[in-house]
C-alpha atoms as a PDB file:
ATOM      1  CA  MET A   1      61.432 123.802 103.551  1.00  0.00           C
ATOM      2  CA  THR A   2      62.784 121.716 105.730  1.00  0.00           C
ATOM      3  CA  ARG A   3      60.994 118.506 104.589  1.00  0.00           C
ATOM      4  CA  GLN A   4      60.227 117.222 100.825  1.00  0.00           C
ATOM      5  CA  ALA A   5      56.159 115.881 102.693  1.00  0.00           C
ATOM      6  CA  SER A   6      55.623 120.338 103.070  1.00  0.00           C
ATOM      7  CA  ALA A   7      57.426 121.121 100.198  1.00  0.00           C
ATOM      8  CA  GLY A   8      54.625 118.965  97.449  1.00  0.00           C
ATOM      9  CA  ILE A   9      57.359 119.291  95.022  1.00  0.00           C
ATOM     10  CA  ARG A  10      59.330 116.534  94.582  1.00  0.00           C
ATOM     11  CA  ASP A  11      60.420 113.540  95.467  1.00  0.00           C
ATOM     12  CA  ILE A  12      65.009 112.179  95.477  1.00  0.00           C
ATOM     13  CA  ALA A  13      66.654 109.685  96.868  1.00  0.00           C
ATOM     14  CA  VAL A  14      69.885 108.646  97.449  1.00  0.00           C
ATOM     15  CA  VAL A  15      70.782 106.216  94.293  1.00  0.00           C
ATOM     16  CA  ALA A  16      74.402 105.357  94.661  1.00  0.00           C
ATOM     17  CA  PHE A  17      77.182 105.901  97.173  1.00  0.00           C
ATOM     18  CA  ALA A  18      81.352 104.973  97.166  1.00  0.00           C
ATOM     19  CA  GLN A  19      84.096 105.845  99.274  1.00  0.00           C
ATOM     20  CA  THR A  20      87.633 105.099  99.438  1.00  0.00           C
ATOM     21  CA  GLY A  21      89.725 102.980 102.066  1.00  0.00           C
ATOM     22  CA  HIS A  22      90.274 105.622 104.311  1.00  0.00           C
ATOM     23  CA  ARG A  23      93.879 105.006 106.040  1.00  0.00           C
ATOM     24  CA  ARG A  24      95.983 106.973 108.618  1.00  0.00           C
ATOM     25  CA  THR A  25      97.904 108.318 105.302  1.00  0.00           C
ATOM     26  CA  SER A  26      97.990 108.910 101.400  1.00  0.00           C
ATOM     27  CA  ASP A  27     100.954 110.748 101.467  1.00  0.00           C
ATOM     28  CA  ASP A  28     101.813 109.305  97.621  1.00  0.00           C
ATOM     29  CA  LEU A  29      98.006 110.599  96.288  1.00  0.00           C
ATOM     30  CA  SER A  30      96.959 114.257  95.382  1.00  0.00           C
ATOM     31  CA  GLU A  31      93.293 115.050  96.007  1.00  0.00           C
ATOM     32  CA  VAL A  32      93.020 114.256  93.000  1.00  0.00           C
ATOM     33  CA  GLU A  33      94.423 111.029  92.722  1.00  0.00           C
ATOM     34  CA  MET A  34      92.492 110.087  95.926  1.00  0.00           C
ATOM     35  CA  LEU A  35      89.277 111.175  94.620  1.00  0.00           C
ATOM     36  CA  MET A  36      89.102 109.714  90.568  1.00  0.00           C
ATOM     37  CA  PRO A  37      88.208 105.626  91.739  1.00  0.00           C
ATOM     38  CA  VAL A  38      85.694 107.310  93.814  1.00  0.00           C
ATOM     39  CA  LEU A  39      84.201 109.788  91.864  1.00  0.00           C
ATOM     40  CA  HIS A  40      84.394 106.780  88.090  1.00  0.00           C
ATOM     41  CA  GLU A  41      83.044 104.490  91.142  1.00  0.00           C
ATOM     42  CA  VAL A  42      80.032 106.514  92.220  1.00  0.00           C
ATOM     43  CA  LEU A  43      79.153 106.785  88.239  1.00  0.00           C
ATOM     44  CA  ASP A  44      79.789 102.984  87.762  1.00  0.00           C
ATOM     45  CA  ARG A  45      77.004 102.111  90.159  1.00  0.00           C
ATOM     46  CA  THR A  46      74.774 103.724  88.278  1.00  0.00           C
ATOM     47  CA  GLY A  47      75.872 103.721  84.305  1.00  0.00           C
ATOM     48  CA  LEU A  48      76.199 107.446  84.872  1.00  0.00           C
ATOM     49  CA  LYS A  49      78.257 109.494  82.595  1.00  0.00           C
ATOM     50  CA  THR A  50      79.629 112.987  83.867  1.00  0.00           C
ATOM     51  CA  SER A  51      77.783 114.227  80.980  1.00  0.00           C
ATOM     52  CA  ASP A  52      74.577 113.123  82.646  1.00  0.00           C
ATOM     53  CA  ILE A  53      74.453 114.324  85.767  1.00  0.00           C
ATOM     54  CA  GLY A  54      72.865 118.086  85.833  1.00  0.00           C
ATOM     55  CA  PHE A  55      74.486 119.510  89.329  1.00  0.00           C
ATOM     56  CA  THR A  56      77.321 118.892  90.899  1.00  0.00           C
ATOM     57  CA  CYS A  57      78.583 119.617  94.311  1.00  0.00           C
ATOM     58  CA  SER A  58      82.087 119.355  96.406  1.00  0.00           C
ATOM     59  CA  GLY A  59      82.673 119.964 100.177  1.00  0.00           C
ATOM     60  CA  SER A  60      86.200 119.679 100.912  1.00  0.00           C
ATOM     61  CA  SER A  61      88.361 122.910 102.966  1.00  0.00           C
ATOM     62  CA  ASP A  62      90.905 125.232 102.119  1.00  0.00           C
ATOM     63  CA  TYR A  63      92.068 125.698 105.450  1.00  0.00           C
ATOM     64  CA  LEU A  64      92.857 121.581 105.401  1.00  0.00           C
ATOM     65  CA  ALA A  65      94.371 122.005 102.594  1.00  0.00           C
ATOM     66  CA  GLY A  66      96.830 124.364 103.099  1.00  0.00           C
ATOM     67  CA  ARG A  67      96.042 126.680  99.552  1.00  0.00           C
ATOM     68  CA  ALA A  68      93.421 128.961  98.213  1.00  0.00           C
ATOM     69  CA  PHE A  69      90.199 128.106  96.282  1.00  0.00           C
ATOM     70  CA  SER A  70      92.489 123.905  96.256  1.00  0.00           C
ATOM     71  CA  PHE A  71      88.707 122.704  95.227  1.00  0.00           C
ATOM     72  CA  THR A  72      89.193 123.616  91.962  1.00  0.00           C
ATOM     73  CA  LEU A  73      91.685 121.273  91.404  1.00  0.00           C
ATOM     74  CA  ALA A  74      89.358 118.536  92.709  1.00  0.00           C
ATOM     75  CA  LEU A  75      86.760 119.053  89.662  1.00  0.00           C
ATOM     76  CA  ASP A  76      90.024 117.723  87.495  1.00  0.00           C
ATOM     77  CA  GLY A  77      88.831 114.793  88.480  1.00  0.00           C
ATOM     78  CA  VAL A  78      85.445 115.277  87.664  1.00  0.00           C
ATOM     79  CA  GLY A  79      85.425 116.716  84.480  1.00  0.00           C
ATOM     80  CA  ALA A  80      84.523 120.522  84.411  1.00  0.00           C
ATOM     81  CA  TRP A  81      84.529 120.839  80.213  1.00  0.00           C
ATOM     82  CA  PRO A  82      81.853 121.361  78.549  1.00  0.00           C
ATOM     83  CA  PRO A  83      81.559 123.777  81.040  1.00  0.00           C
ATOM     84  CA  ILE A  84      78.761 121.739  83.699  1.00  0.00           C
ATOM     85  CA  SER A  85      76.992 123.121  86.609  1.00  0.00           C
ATOM     86  CA  GLU A  86      78.852 122.887  90.094  1.00  0.00           C
ATOM     87  CA  SER A  87      78.909 124.511  93.388  1.00  0.00           C
ATOM     88  CA  HIS A  88      80.982 123.974  96.050  1.00  0.00           C
ATOM     89  CA  VAL A  89      80.421 124.354  99.952  1.00  0.00           C
ATOM     90  CA  GLU A  90      83.385 125.148 103.030  1.00  0.00           C
ATOM     91  CA  MET A  91      81.564 122.484 104.762  1.00  0.00           C
ATOM     92  CA  ASP A  92      81.487 118.584 105.667  1.00  0.00           C
ATOM     93  CA  GLY A  93      80.221 117.175 102.625  1.00  0.00           C
ATOM     94  CA  ALA A  94      76.928 116.529 103.895  1.00  0.00           C
ATOM     95  CA  TRP A  95      76.124 119.917 103.702  1.00  0.00           C
ATOM     96  CA  ALA A  96      76.698 119.812  99.858  1.00  0.00           C
ATOM     97  CA  LEU A  97      74.598 116.792  99.752  1.00  0.00           C
ATOM     98  CA  TYR A  98      71.955 119.711 101.658  1.00  0.00           C
ATOM     99  CA  GLU A  99      72.388 122.040  98.482  1.00  0.00           C
ATOM    100  CA  ALA A 100      72.489 119.000  95.659  1.00  0.00           C
ATOM    101  CA  TRP A 101      69.312 118.112  97.417  1.00  0.00           C
ATOM    102  CA  THR A 102      67.822 121.667  97.322  1.00  0.00           C
ATOM    103  CA  LYS A 103      68.912 121.985  93.157  1.00  0.00           C
ATOM    104  CA  LEU A 104      66.703 119.284  92.708  1.00  0.00           C
ATOM    105  CA  LEU A 105      63.715 119.801  94.720  1.00  0.00           C
ATOM    106  CA  THR A 106      63.425 123.103  92.245  1.00  0.00           C
ATOM    107  CA  GLY A 107      63.977 121.144  89.900  1.00  0.00           C
ATOM    108  CA  ASP A 108      66.439 122.491  87.961  1.00  0.00           C
ATOM    109  CA  ALA A 109      68.346 118.763  87.447  1.00  0.00           C
ATOM    110  CA  ASP A 110      67.210 115.713  87.622  1.00  0.00           C
ATOM    111  CA  THR A 111      70.883 114.066  89.069  1.00  0.00           C
ATOM    112  CA  ALA A 112      73.355 115.458  91.134  1.00  0.00           C
ATOM    113  CA  LEU A 113      76.545 114.606  91.932  1.00  0.00           C
ATOM    114  CA  VAL A 114      78.140 115.320  95.508  1.00  0.00           C
ATOM    115  CA  TYR A 115      81.573 114.333  96.331  1.00  0.00           C
ATOM    116  CA  ALA A 116      83.549 115.357  99.077  1.00  0.00           C
ATOM    117  CA  TYR A 117      87.895 114.767 100.995  1.00  0.00           C
ATOM    118  CA  GLY A 118      89.363 115.511 103.395  1.00  0.00           C
ATOM    119  CA  LYS A 119      93.965 115.176 103.862  1.00  0.00           C
ATOM    120  CA  SER A 120      94.267 115.374 107.669  1.00  0.00           C
ATOM    121  CA  SER A 121      97.123 113.331 107.192  1.00  0.00           C
ATOM    122  CA  PRO A 122      99.878 116.709 106.785  1.00  0.00           C
ATOM    123  CA  GLY A 123      99.750 118.301 109.447  1.00  0.00           C
ATOM    124  CA  PRO A 124      98.415 118.118 113.224  1.00  0.00           C
ATOM    125  CA  LEU A 125      94.946 118.272 112.779  1.00  0.00           C
ATOM    126  CA  ARG A 126      94.569 118.714 116.554  1.00  0.00           C
ATOM    127  CA  ASP A 127      96.013 122.421 116.212  1.00  0.00           C
ATOM    128  CA  VAL A 128      94.530 123.284 112.802  1.00  0.00           C
ATOM    129  CA  LEU A 129      90.977 123.210 114.427  1.00  0.00           C
ATOM    130  CA  THR A 130      90.967 125.361 116.734  1.00  0.00           C
ATOM    131  CA  ARG A 131      90.446 127.631 113.880  1.00  0.00           C
ATOM    132  CA  GLN A 132      87.083 127.126 114.282  1.00  0.00           C
ATOM    133  CA  LEU A 133      87.161 128.959 117.896  1.00  0.00           C
ATOM    134  CA  ASP A 134      86.119 132.171 119.017  1.00  0.00           C
ATOM    135  CA  PRO A 135      89.258 133.964 118.001  1.00  0.00           C
ATOM    136  CA  TYR A 136      88.901 136.655 121.111  1.00  0.00           C
ATOM    137  CA  TYR A 137      87.816 134.447 124.313  1.00  0.00           C
ATOM    138  CA  VAL A 138      88.993 131.011 123.172  1.00  0.00           C
ATOM    139  CA  ALA A 139      91.395 130.548 120.248  1.00  0.00           C
ATOM    140  CA  PRO A 140      94.099 132.431 121.937  1.00  0.00           C
ATOM    141  CA  LEU A 141      94.039 129.983 125.114  1.00  0.00           C
ATOM    142  CA  TRP A 142      94.483 127.400 122.383  1.00  0.00           C
ATOM    143  CA  PRO A 143      92.058 124.361 123.108  1.00  0.00           C
ATOM    144  CA  ASP A 144      92.771 122.319 121.215  1.00  0.00           C
ATOM    145  CA  SER A 145      89.309 119.447 119.669  1.00  0.00           C
ATOM    146  CA  VAL A 146      90.229 117.333 122.508  1.00  0.00           C
ATOM    147  CA  ALA A 147      90.318 119.148 125.300  1.00  0.00           C
ATOM    148  CA  LEU A 148      87.262 120.660 124.839  1.00  0.00           C
ATOM    149  CA  ALA A 149      85.870 116.868 124.026  1.00  0.00           C
ATOM    150  CA  ALA A 150      87.454 116.031 127.369  1.00  0.00           C
ATOM    151  CA  LEU A 151      85.356 118.949 128.893  1.00  0.00           C
ATOM    152  CA  GLN A 152      81.909 118.180 127.258  1.00  0.00           C
ATOM    153  CA  ALA A 153      82.474 114.291 128.259  1.00  0.00           C
ATOM    154  CA  GLN A 154      83.302 115.122 131.691  1.00  0.00           C
ATOM    155  CA  ALA A 155      80.253 116.776 131.558  1.00  0.00           C
ATOM    156  CA  LEU A 156      78.795 114.010 131.052  1.00  0.00           C
ATOM    157  CA  ILE A 157      79.831 112.120 133.621  1.00  0.00           C
ATOM    158  CA  ASP A 158      79.213 114.524 136.290  1.00  0.00           C
ATOM    159  CA  ALA A 159      75.449 114.889 135.181  1.00  0.00           C
ATOM    160  CA  GLY A 160      75.210 110.885 135.446  1.00  0.00           C
ATOM    161  CA  ASP A 161      75.096 110.450 132.089  1.00  0.00           C
ATOM    162  CA  THR A 162      77.710 108.424 130.953  1.00  0.00           C
ATOM    163  CA  ASP A 163      80.832 107.180 132.900  1.00  0.00           C
ATOM    164  CA  GLU A 164      84.445 105.644 131.484  1.00  0.00           C
ATOM    165  CA  ALA A 165      83.520 101.617 131.737  1.00  0.00           C
ATOM    166  CA  ALA A 166      80.194 102.936 129.140  1.00  0.00           C
ATOM    167  CA  LEU A 167      83.040 105.431 127.241  1.00  0.00           C
ATOM    168  CA  ALA A 168      84.840 102.470 126.873  1.00  0.00           C
ATOM    169  CA  ALA A 169      81.939 100.095 125.574  1.00  0.00           C
ATOM    170  CA  ILE A 170      80.748 102.049 123.093  1.00  0.00           C
ATOM    171  CA  ALA A 171      84.013 102.255 121.174  1.00  0.00           C
ATOM    172  CA  ALA A 172      84.733  98.391 121.336  1.00  0.00           C
ATOM    173  CA  ARG A 173      80.780  97.541 120.060  1.00  0.00           C
ATOM    174  CA  SER A 174      81.579 100.745 116.941  1.00  0.00           C
ATOM    175  CA  ARG A 175      85.157  99.268 116.049  1.00  0.00           C
ATOM    176  CA  SER A 176      83.350  96.042 116.571  1.00  0.00           C
ATOM    177  CA  ASP A 177      81.286  96.900 114.127  1.00  0.00           C
ATOM    178  CA  ALA A 178      83.563  97.731 111.600  1.00  0.00           C
ATOM    179  CA  THR A 179      85.144  94.917 111.091  1.00  0.00           C
ATOM    180  CA  ALA A 180      82.766  94.007 108.468  1.00  0.00           C
ATOM    181  CA  ASN A 181      83.147  97.521 106.787  1.00  0.00           C
ATOM    182  CA  PRO A 182      86.380  96.715 104.382  1.00  0.00           C
ATOM    183  CA  HIS A 183      86.164 101.351 103.855  1.00  0.00           C
ATOM    184  CA  ALA A 184      86.964 101.595 107.666  1.00  0.00           C
ATOM    185  CA  GLN A 185      90.767 102.447 109.507  1.00  0.00           C
ATOM    186  CA  LEU A 186      90.246 101.148 112.637  1.00  0.00           C
ATOM    187  CA  ARG A 187      88.898  97.125 112.745  1.00  0.00           C
ATOM    188  CA  GLY A 188      87.297  94.560 115.407  1.00  0.00           C
ATOM    189  CA  PRO A 189      88.878  94.780 118.997  1.00  0.00           C
ATOM    190  CA  ILE A 190      91.240  97.645 119.788  1.00  0.00           C
ATOM    191  CA  PRO A 191      92.157  98.032 123.332  1.00  0.00           C
ATOM    192  CA  HIS A 192      90.557 101.375 125.005  1.00  0.00           C
ATOM    193  CA  GLY A 193      94.013 102.803 125.223  1.00  0.00           C
ATOM    194  CA  GLU A 194      96.011 105.269 127.237  1.00  0.00           C
ATOM    195  CA  PRO A 195      95.104 108.451 129.109  1.00  0.00           C
ATOM    196  CA  LEU A 196      95.266 111.275 126.456  1.00  0.00           C
ATOM    197  CA  VAL A 197      93.016 113.995 127.632  1.00  0.00           C
ATOM    198  CA  ARG A 198      91.232 112.597 130.695  1.00  0.00           C
ATOM    199  CA  PRO A 199      88.432 111.696 131.035  1.00  0.00           C
ATOM    200  CA  LEU A 200      89.142 110.599 127.469  1.00  0.00           C
ATOM    201  CA  ARG A 201      91.792 107.773 126.971  1.00  0.00           C
ATOM    202  CA  THR A 202      92.975 107.348 123.319  1.00  0.00           C
ATOM    203  CA  GLY A 203      90.035 104.628 122.335  1.00  0.00           C
ATOM    204  CA  ASP A 204      87.659 107.471 122.963  1.00  0.00           C
ATOM    205  CA  CYS A 205      89.075 109.524 120.201  1.00  0.00           C
ATOM    206  CA  PRO A 206      89.094 109.211 116.286  1.00  0.00           C
ATOM    207  CA  PRO A 207      91.902 108.451 114.117  1.00  0.00           C
ATOM    208  CA  VAL A 208      93.738 110.691 112.134  1.00  0.00           C
ATOM    209  CA  GLY A 209      93.240 110.205 108.277  1.00  0.00           C
ATOM    210  CA  ASP A 210      91.921 111.064 104.535  1.00  0.00           C
ATOM    211  CA  GLY A 211      89.439 109.438 102.789  1.00  0.00           C
ATOM    212  CA  ALA A 212      86.565 110.216  99.736  1.00  0.00           C
ATOM    213  CA  ALA A 213      83.169 109.570  99.364  1.00  0.00           C
ATOM    214  CA  ALA A 214      80.296 110.572  96.808  1.00  0.00           C
ATOM    215  CA  VAL A 215      77.047 109.935  96.187  1.00  0.00           C
ATOM    216  CA  ILE A 216      74.648 110.346  93.921  1.00  0.00           C
ATOM    217  CA  LEU A 217      71.342 111.678  93.939  1.00  0.00           C
ATOM    218  CA  ALA A 218      68.408 111.246  91.565  1.00  0.00           C
ATOM    219  CA  ALA A 219      65.232 113.024  91.495  1.00  0.00           C
ATOM    220  CA  GLY A 220      61.694 110.395  90.980  1.00  0.00           C
ATOM    221  CA  GLU A 221      61.067 107.679  88.221  1.00  0.00           C
ATOM    222  CA  ARG A 222      64.530 108.540  87.702  1.00  0.00           C
ATOM    223  CA  ALA A 223      65.850 107.191  90.678  1.00  0.00           C
ATOM    224  CA  ARG A 224      63.803 104.113  90.473  1.00  0.00           C
ATOM    225  CA  GLU A 225      65.361 103.702  86.291  1.00  0.00           C
ATOM    226  CA  LEU A 226      69.448 104.729  88.641  1.00  0.00           C
ATOM    227  CA  CYS A 227      68.818 102.659  91.677  1.00  0.00           C
ATOM    228  CA  ALA A 228      66.756  99.142  92.330  1.00  0.00           C
ATOM    229  CA  ARG A 229      65.596 100.649  95.906  1.00  0.00           C
ATOM    230  CA  PRO A 230      66.563 104.402  96.246  1.00  0.00           C
ATOM    231  CA  ALA A 231      66.686 105.860  99.738  1.00  0.00           C
ATOM    232  CA  TRP A 232      64.336 109.250  99.437  1.00  0.00           C
ATOM    233  CA  ILE A 233      65.404 112.119 101.421  1.00  0.00           C
ATOM    234  CA  ARG A 234      62.214 112.621 103.174  1.00  0.00           C
ATOM    235  CA  GLY A 235      63.533 115.647 105.194  1.00  0.00           C
ATOM    236  CA  VAL A 236      66.825 117.124 105.078  1.00  0.00           C
ATOM    237  CA  ASP A 237      68.134 120.020 108.658  1.00  0.00           C
ATOM    238  CA  HIS A 238      70.733 122.234 109.607  1.00  0.00           C
ATOM    239  CA  ARG A 239      70.756 123.892 112.964  1.00  0.00           C
ATOM    240  CA  ILE A 240      73.539 126.161 114.510  1.00  0.00           C
ATOM    241  CA  GLU A 241      74.293 126.257 118.213  1.00  0.00           C
ATOM    242  CA  ALA A 242      75.837 129.343 119.892  1.00  0.00           C
ATOM    243  CA  HIS A 243      79.492 129.437 118.924  1.00  0.00           C
ATOM    244  CA  SER A 244      80.626 130.619 122.641  1.00  0.00           C
ATOM    245  CA  LEU A 245      80.659 127.537 124.950  1.00  0.00           C
ATOM    246  CA  GLY A 246      80.162 129.186 127.762  1.00  0.00           C
ATOM    247  CA  VAL A 247      76.637 130.096 126.906  1.00  0.00           C
ATOM    248  CA  ARG A 248      76.178 126.063 126.224  1.00  0.00           C
ATOM    249  CA  ASP A 249      75.013 123.452 127.977  1.00  0.00           C
ATOM    250  CA  LEU A 250      77.309 120.878 126.395  1.00  0.00           C
ATOM    251  CA  THR A 251      75.179 117.998 128.183  1.00  0.00           C
ATOM    252  CA  ASP A 252      73.044 117.830 125.398  1.00  0.00           C
ATOM    253  CA  SER A 253      72.409 118.996 121.918  1.00  0.00           C
ATOM    254  CA  PRO A 254      68.687 121.313 121.515  1.00  0.00           C
ATOM    255  CA  SER A 255      70.134 122.131 117.839  1.00  0.00           C
ATOM    256  CA  ALA A 256      70.555 118.107 116.565  1.00  0.00           C
ATOM    257  CA  ARG A 257      67.120 117.871 118.153  1.00  0.00           C
ATOM    258  CA  LEU A 258      65.192 120.804 116.328  1.00  0.00           C
ATOM    259  CA  ALA A 259      66.781 119.351 113.074  1.00  0.00           C
ATOM    260  CA  ALA A 260      65.947 116.018 113.594  1.00  0.00           C
ATOM    261  CA  GLU A 261      61.751 117.383 114.783  1.00  0.00           C
ATOM    262  CA  ARG A 262      61.749 119.394 111.659  1.00  0.00           C
ATOM    263  CA  ALA A 263      64.164 116.827 109.077  1.00  0.00           C
ATOM    264  CA  GLY A 264      60.768 114.840 109.550  1.00  0.00           C
ATOM    265  CA  ALA A 265      62.608 112.230 112.298  1.00  0.00           C
ATOM    266  CA  PHE A 266      60.124 111.831 115.549  1.00  0.00           C
ATOM    267  CA  GLU A 267      57.589 111.194 113.542  1.00  0.00           C
ATOM    268  CA  ARG A 268      57.873 107.583 113.006  1.00  0.00           C
ATOM    269  CA  PRO A 269      60.405 105.562 113.658  1.00  0.00           C
ATOM    270  CA  VAL A 270      64.231 104.849 112.546  1.00  0.00           C
ATOM    271  CA  ASP A 271      65.586 101.533 112.245  1.00  0.00           C
ATOM    272  CA  THR A 272      69.281 102.179 111.746  1.00  0.00           C
ATOM    273  CA  ALA A 273      71.419 106.247 112.807  1.00  0.00           C
ATOM    274  CA  GLU A 274      74.376 106.802 111.856  1.00  0.00           C
ATOM    275  CA  LEU A 275      75.551 109.237 113.701  1.00  0.00           C
ATOM    276  CA  HIS A 276      79.182 111.277 113.140  1.00  0.00           C
ATOM    277  CA  ALA A 277      80.570 111.521 116.520  1.00  0.00           C
ATOM    278  CA  PRO A 278      83.696 111.642 116.073  1.00  0.00           C
ATOM    279  CA  PHE A 279      84.041 110.828 120.668  1.00  0.00           C
ATOM    280  CA  THR A 280      82.117 108.568 122.107  1.00  0.00           C
ATOM    281  CA  SER A 281      80.609 111.153 123.892  1.00  0.00           C
ATOM    282  CA  GLN A 282      78.914 112.948 121.780  1.00  0.00           C
ATOM    283  CA  GLU A 283      77.653 109.442 120.504  1.00  0.00           C
ATOM    284  CA  VAL A 284      76.223 110.231 124.449  1.00  0.00           C
ATOM    285  CA  VAL A 285      74.485 112.958 123.858  1.00  0.00           C
ATOM    286  CA  LEU A 286      73.446 112.206 120.630  1.00  0.00           C
ATOM    287  CA  ARG A 287      71.293 109.376 121.221  1.00  0.00           C
ATOM    288  CA  LYS A 288      69.461 111.825 123.625  1.00  0.00           C
ATOM    289  CA  ALA A 289      68.924 114.722 121.310  1.00  0.00           C
ATOM    290  CA  LEU A 290      67.616 112.852 118.955  1.00  0.00           C
ATOM    291  CA  LYS A 291      65.561 109.928 121.159  1.00  0.00           C
ATOM    292  CA  LEU A 292      67.387 107.104 119.686  1.00  0.00           C
ATOM    293  CA  GLY A 293      65.974 103.905 121.652  1.00  0.00           C
ATOM    294  CA  ASP A 294      67.435 100.075 122.206  1.00  0.00           C
ATOM    295  CA  HIS A 295      65.690  99.105 119.223  1.00  0.00           C
ATOM    296  CA  VAL A 296      67.838 101.547 116.888  1.00  0.00           C
ATOM    297  CA  ARG A 297      70.819  99.338 115.545  1.00  0.00           C
ATOM    298  CA  VAL A 298      73.389 102.856 115.963  1.00  0.00           C
ATOM    299  CA  ASN A 299      77.089 103.302 113.700  1.00  0.00           C
ATOM    300  CA  PRO A 300      76.049  99.597 112.053  1.00  0.00           C
ATOM    301  CA  SER A 301      79.545 100.296 109.721  1.00  0.00           C
ATOM    302  CA  GLY A 302      81.774 101.571 112.522  1.00  0.00           C
ATOM    303  CA  GLY A 303      81.186 105.419 112.321  1.00  0.00           C
ATOM    304  CA  ALA A 304      83.143 108.110 113.221  1.00  0.00           C
ATOM    305  CA  LEU A 305      85.379 106.051 116.030  1.00  0.00           C
ATOM    306  CA  ALA A 306      86.517 104.071 112.875  1.00  0.00           C
ATOM    307  CA  ALA A 307      87.309 106.021 110.393  1.00  0.00           C
ATOM    308  CA  ASN A 308      86.749 110.177 110.041  1.00  0.00           C
ATOM    309  CA  PRO A 309      87.628 111.923 106.790  1.00  0.00           C
ATOM    310  CA  VAL A 310      87.138 115.411 107.708  1.00  0.00           C
ATOM    311  CA  MET A 311      84.760 117.085 105.390  1.00  0.00           C
ATOM    312  CA  ALA A 312      84.118 113.403 104.090  1.00  0.00           C
ATOM    313  CA  ALA A 313      83.190 112.240 107.519  1.00  0.00           C
ATOM    314  CA  GLY A 314      79.182 113.453 107.787  1.00  0.00           C
ATOM    315  CA  LEU A 315      78.310 113.072 103.953  1.00  0.00           C
ATOM    316  CA  VAL A 316      79.726 109.153 104.392  1.00  0.00           C
ATOM    317  CA  ARG A 317      77.593 108.763 107.273  1.00  0.00           C
ATOM    318  CA  VAL A 318      74.578 109.154 104.722  1.00  0.00           C
ATOM    319  CA  GLY A 319      76.427 107.636 102.503  1.00  0.00           C
ATOM    320  CA  GLU A 320      76.324 104.867 105.016  1.00  0.00           C
ATOM    321  CA  ALA A 321      72.679 104.421 105.909  1.00  0.00           C
ATOM    322  CA  ALA A 322      71.334 105.083 102.104  1.00  0.00           C
ATOM    323  CA  ALA A 323      73.590 101.488 101.694  1.00  0.00           C
ATOM    324  CA  ARG A 324      71.824 100.219 104.192  1.00  0.00           C
ATOM    325  CA  ILE A 325      68.978 101.452 102.074  1.00  0.00           C
ATOM    326  CA  HIS A 326      69.458 100.072  99.077  1.00  0.00           C
ATOM    327  CA  ARG A 327      70.810  96.292 100.383  1.00  0.00           C
ATOM    328  CA  GLY A 328      67.310  96.031 102.131  1.00  0.00           C
ATOM    329  CA  GLU A 329      68.982  96.180 105.855  1.00  0.00           C
ATOM    330  CA  SER A 330      67.024  99.245 107.047  1.00  0.00           C
ATOM    331  CA  ASP A 331      63.308 100.548 106.150  1.00  0.00           C
ATOM    332  CA  ARG A 332      64.112 104.115 107.956  1.00  0.00           C
ATOM    333  CA  ALA A 333      67.391 105.322 108.788  1.00  0.00           C
ATOM    334  CA  LEU A 334      68.032 108.613 110.355  1.00  0.00           C
ATOM    335  CA  ALA A 335      71.809 110.628 109.102  1.00  0.00           C
ATOM    336  CA  HIS A 336      74.157 112.555 111.143  1.00  0.00           C
ATOM    337  CA  ALA A 337      76.549 115.291 110.403  1.00  0.00           C
ATOM    338  CA  THR A 338      78.470 117.975 113.008  1.00  0.00           C
ATOM    339  CA  SER A 339      81.181 120.832 112.049  1.00  0.00           C
ATOM    340  CA  GLY A 340      82.572 123.035 115.144  1.00  0.00           C
ATOM    341  CA  PRO A 341      83.685 121.693 118.689  1.00  0.00           C
ATOM    342  CA  CYS A 342      81.035 120.196 120.936  1.00  0.00           C
ATOM    343  CA  LEU A 343      78.625 119.467 118.130  1.00  0.00           C
ATOM    344  CA  GLN A 344      78.895 122.731 117.174  1.00  0.00           C
ATOM    345  CA  GLN A 345      76.540 122.293 113.985  1.00  0.00           C
ATOM    346  CA  ASN A 346      74.474 119.951 112.847  1.00  0.00           C
ATOM    347  CA  LEU A 347      72.301 118.227 110.206  1.00  0.00           C
ATOM    348  CA  VAL A 348      70.163 115.662 109.865  1.00  0.00           C
ATOM    349  CA  ALA A 349      68.586 113.741 107.056  1.00  0.00           C
ATOM    350  CA  VAL A 350      66.053 111.015 106.750  1.00  0.00           C
ATOM    351  CA  LEU A 351      65.983 108.521 104.598  1.00  0.00           C
ATOM    352  CA  GLU A 352      63.395 106.151 103.869  1.00  0.00           C
ATOM    353  CA  GLY A 353      62.878 102.556 101.191  1.00  0.00           C
ATOM    354  CA  ASP A 354      60.655 101.707  99.691  1.00  0.00           C
ATOM    355  CA  PRO A 355      57.353  99.433 101.352  1.00  0.00           C
ATOM    356  CA  ARG A 356      58.328  95.574 101.080  1.00  0.00           C
END
């Protein structure tokens, strides 16, 4: 069950979204201190209190934080007493939203708070992400996330799907669009930069930074009470590529295409797509897999090339897409989140506003 229409149970919407001003480092703040203003802001947008929330779900990484059960400390920012109905996923917050959406579909709750956070600045992120790789055949070679993205970019260039000039144009467009986004880490015209791992330059890669994000979900008429124009979630689906990079075609993403199909993205055109593409080459892959034509506004927020808080960047894509619907700037939007090397895991959500 991935599409709401096929479930035939409840209409569920994103009714509020908030995020930090993402920045290069937040050494002066703990995860709780970074998260609390975001939680207060998202609750204030709806007038809800913590006691009004039926279900709470978070996404983060204990490995990234460097200590076991670090997510329990973040609950101090939520307020876990009196006891609340709570869950956690060791994934990007987009997967926490997926769990919360499923929870509300069952009727066990009418509202849900979803939040995610990550601090990448304390350690060498490129090395940390190697722990996602196959522990027997790939991880011992120690290829970092940028090197693997470069392999994907070179495969696209060799296939004739893109070139270095086109990748530079993606980077320039994303960061130019981010000029109007006060939460972005990188904004405005930024040089494409020096070669990093061929064929990628520094401008093809995401900034390393810290940040948090939160959304509130609500069901049925409760959503309309809390938001003037709710962003209705019409479908969500998550699919995974093979773990071994050697058996994958890095120029395509069948899992993203299947997730979009199962979420209902191809039933009617979308006007906006927020893609979690930390590298310029990944936008090329996703545009093809998700059948996004020139009429679709891609990453109007600047995307992950402007701000990439690990463990929250996918949830930010859902939140940014929903926020455009809230403001009346979009009627039907696609939001995408990824995890793992070279778009290994892909989650797609389809959101719609009420007809105008």
